[in-house]
């Protein structure tokens, strides 16, 4: 079985966004300082550049509009992937980079303010995890590492229990609108393939269910 890589998706975010500091918050969430929309880094080798960090459900954002204290605030991304702000109303946040969300806010609020200066900072990351439920030794929530597949998650959870229905395993995945899809997982077929290339790669917020 492929060994889990030591770097997490948070580390990838730190590579792709300059000036990012990651630490463990007291509540168990991971905190990111200075994940500003203007901080996207460049690489001399584009083919090896890490995927930019994207905002996810339950992440906490600091929205700052310069000289507009009443409009600036901390917001959590709702289960439907949206946030609510004064004057603007609802905006899609999940699936966007801080830079993209910053530009959306700036464009929307320009109807009310002249040349607004907006920054978006991700202060807490709650979306970079996966859940493993059902017939495993240690069901629970686990940090999502880069290139982490279902077999990796099952290994973290201590493996399948004796009466687990191996070919009944499935993954629940939410899209950016919060709608969940049901993805069947053919456990025996993956094991017979003798290659991790065919394993189903997990995404933030996925839930692996073992009946």
Foldseek 3Di string as FASTA:
>chain_A
DDDFDPAAVVVLQPQQFDPWDWDQDPVRWIFIPPQKLVGGDDDPDVVPRRDHDAAAAQFKKFKDKPPCVVFTDIWGQHLQQWTQTPPQGIDHRGPHRQNVVQVVVQVRCCVPDPPIDIIMGGTTHDQQWEFEDDFAQAGGIGGGHPQDFPVNVSVVRHHGHDPWPQQAKWKWDADSRNDTDIGGDGRVVCVVVVDCVPTHGDDGYMYIYID
